[in-house]
């Protein structure tokens, strides 16, 4: 059985991360945010689990930084 990824909009990604659209787009242009899925010529989405993993990575980096101090 194939699991269908849960796609979220850019606005939902903003809500999940507490980042603005501009901040997310800056991270995307630097290759530091999960890649968007093109749904049409003018519509993109993100795989929710990838955005959550990105958030988890930021939390882990914070914890690692605290340990190395």
C-alpha atoms as a PDB file:
ATOM      1  CA  UNK A   1       0.000   0.000   0.000  1.00  0.00           C
ATOM      2  CA  UNK A   2       1.420   3.379  -1.021  1.00  0.00           C
ATOM      3  CA  UNK A   3       1.288   6.261   1.428  1.00  0.00           C
ATOM      4  CA  UNK A   4       0.309   9.561  -0.143  1.00  0.00           C
ATOM      5  CA  UNK A   5       2.444  12.453   1.152  1.00  0.00           C
ATOM      6  CA  UNK A   6       0.548  15.191   2.918  1.00  0.00           C
ATOM      7  CA  UNK A   7       1.126  18.413   0.975  1.00  0.00           C
ATOM      8  CA  UNK A   8       0.850  21.845   2.591  1.00  0.00           C
ATOM      9  CA  UNK A   9       0.726  25.330   1.125  1.00  0.00           C
ATOM     10  CA  UNK A  10       3.383  27.992   1.553  1.00  0.00           C
ATOM     11  CA  UNK A  11       1.071  29.716   4.034  1.00  0.00           C
ATOM     12  CA  UNK A  12       0.784  26.499   6.043  1.00  0.00           C
ATOM     13  CA  UNK A  13       4.586  26.137   5.971  1.00  0.00           C
ATOM     14  CA  UNK A  14       4.771  29.687   7.346  1.00  0.00           C
ATOM     15  CA  UNK A  15       2.394  28.755  10.149  1.00  0.00           C
ATOM     16  CA  UNK A  16       4.309  25.568  11.009  1.00  0.00           C
ATOM     17  CA  UNK A  17       7.683  27.310  11.094  1.00  0.00           C
ATOM     18  CA  UNK A  18       6.623  30.758  12.372  1.00  0.00           C
ATOM     19  CA  UNK A  19       8.551  32.217   9.434  1.00  0.00           C
ATOM     20  CA  UNK A  20       7.369  34.748   6.876  1.00  0.00           C
ATOM     21  CA  UNK A  21       6.932  33.888   3.213  1.00  0.00           C
ATOM     22  CA  UNK A  22      10.000  36.020   2.482  1.00  0.00           C
ATOM     23  CA  UNK A  23      12.129  34.148   5.033  1.00  0.00           C
ATOM     24  CA  UNK A  24      11.058  30.771   3.654  1.00  0.00           C
ATOM     25  CA  UNK A  25      11.739  31.894   0.101  1.00  0.00           C
ATOM     26  CA  UNK A  26      15.181  33.146   1.160  1.00  0.00           C
ATOM     27  CA  UNK A  27      15.940  29.768   2.767  1.00  0.00           C
ATOM     28  CA  UNK A  28      14.679  28.063  -0.405  1.00  0.00           C
ATOM     29  CA  UNK A  29      16.919  30.159  -2.653  1.00  0.00           C
ATOM     30  CA  UNK A  30      19.897  29.180  -0.467  1.00  0.00           C
ATOM     31  CA  UNK A  31      18.929  25.485  -0.633  1.00  0.00           C
ATOM     32  CA  UNK A  32      18.275  25.458   3.127  1.00  0.00           C
ATOM     33  CA  UNK A  33      14.568  24.558   3.097  1.00  0.00           C
ATOM     34  CA  UNK A  34      12.737  21.516   1.726  1.00  0.00           C
ATOM     35  CA  UNK A  35      12.167  21.671  -2.000  1.00  0.00           C
ATOM     36  CA  UNK A  36       8.721  22.709  -3.170  1.00  0.00           C
ATOM     37  CA  UNK A  37       6.487  20.464  -5.266  1.00  0.00           C
ATOM     38  CA  UNK A  38       5.173  22.224  -8.368  1.00  0.00           C
ATOM     39  CA  UNK A  39       1.447  21.577  -8.616  1.00  0.00           C
ATOM     40  CA  UNK A  40       0.869  23.903 -11.567  1.00  0.00           C
ATOM     41  CA  UNK A  41       2.540  26.867 -13.231  1.00  0.00           C
ATOM     42  CA  UNK A  42       1.540  29.124 -10.343  1.00  0.00           C
ATOM     43  CA  UNK A  43       1.017  26.800  -7.395  1.00  0.00           C
ATOM     44  CA  UNK A  44       3.531  25.053  -5.148  1.00  0.00           C
ATOM     45  CA  UNK A  45       3.263  22.943  -2.040  1.00  0.00           C
ATOM     46  CA  UNK A  46       5.595  21.319   0.445  1.00  0.00           C
ATOM     47  CA  UNK A  47       5.667  17.802   1.820  1.00  0.00           C
ATOM     48  CA  UNK A  48       4.549  18.258   5.418  1.00  0.00           C
ATOM     49  CA  UNK A  49       6.857  15.558   6.796  1.00  0.00           C
ATOM     50  CA  UNK A  50       9.866  17.254   5.155  1.00  0.00           C
ATOM     51  CA  UNK A  51       8.989  20.613   6.720  1.00  0.00           C
ATOM     52  CA  UNK A  52       8.518  18.942  10.123  1.00  0.00           C
ATOM     53  CA  UNK A  53      11.891  17.190   9.693  1.00  0.00           C
ATOM     54  CA  UNK A  54      13.467  20.571   8.855  1.00  0.00           C
ATOM     55  CA  UNK A  55      11.995  22.019  12.075  1.00  0.00           C
ATOM     56  CA  UNK A  56      13.247  19.001  14.038  1.00  0.00           C
ATOM     57  CA  UNK A  57      16.694  19.552  12.542  1.00  0.00           C
ATOM     58  CA  UNK A  58      16.708  23.168  13.715  1.00  0.00           C
ATOM     59  CA  UNK A  59      15.758  22.030  17.224  1.00  0.00           C
ATOM     60  CA  UNK A  60      18.469  19.348  17.188  1.00  0.00           C
ATOM     61  CA  UNK A  61      21.055  21.904  16.029  1.00  0.00           C
ATOM     62  CA  UNK A  62      20.074  24.145  18.923  1.00  0.00           C
ATOM     63  CA  UNK A  63      20.485  21.272  21.373  1.00  0.00           C
ATOM     64  CA  UNK A  64      23.853  20.318  19.842  1.00  0.00           C
ATOM     65  CA  UNK A  65      25.033  23.919  20.068  1.00  0.00           C
ATOM     66  CA  UNK A  66      24.102  24.006  23.776  1.00  0.00           C
ATOM     67  CA  UNK A  67      26.031  20.765  24.439  1.00  0.00           C
ATOM     68  CA  UNK A  68      29.185  22.036  22.725  1.00  0.00           C
ATOM     69  CA  UNK A  69      29.349  25.214  24.830  1.00  0.00           C
END
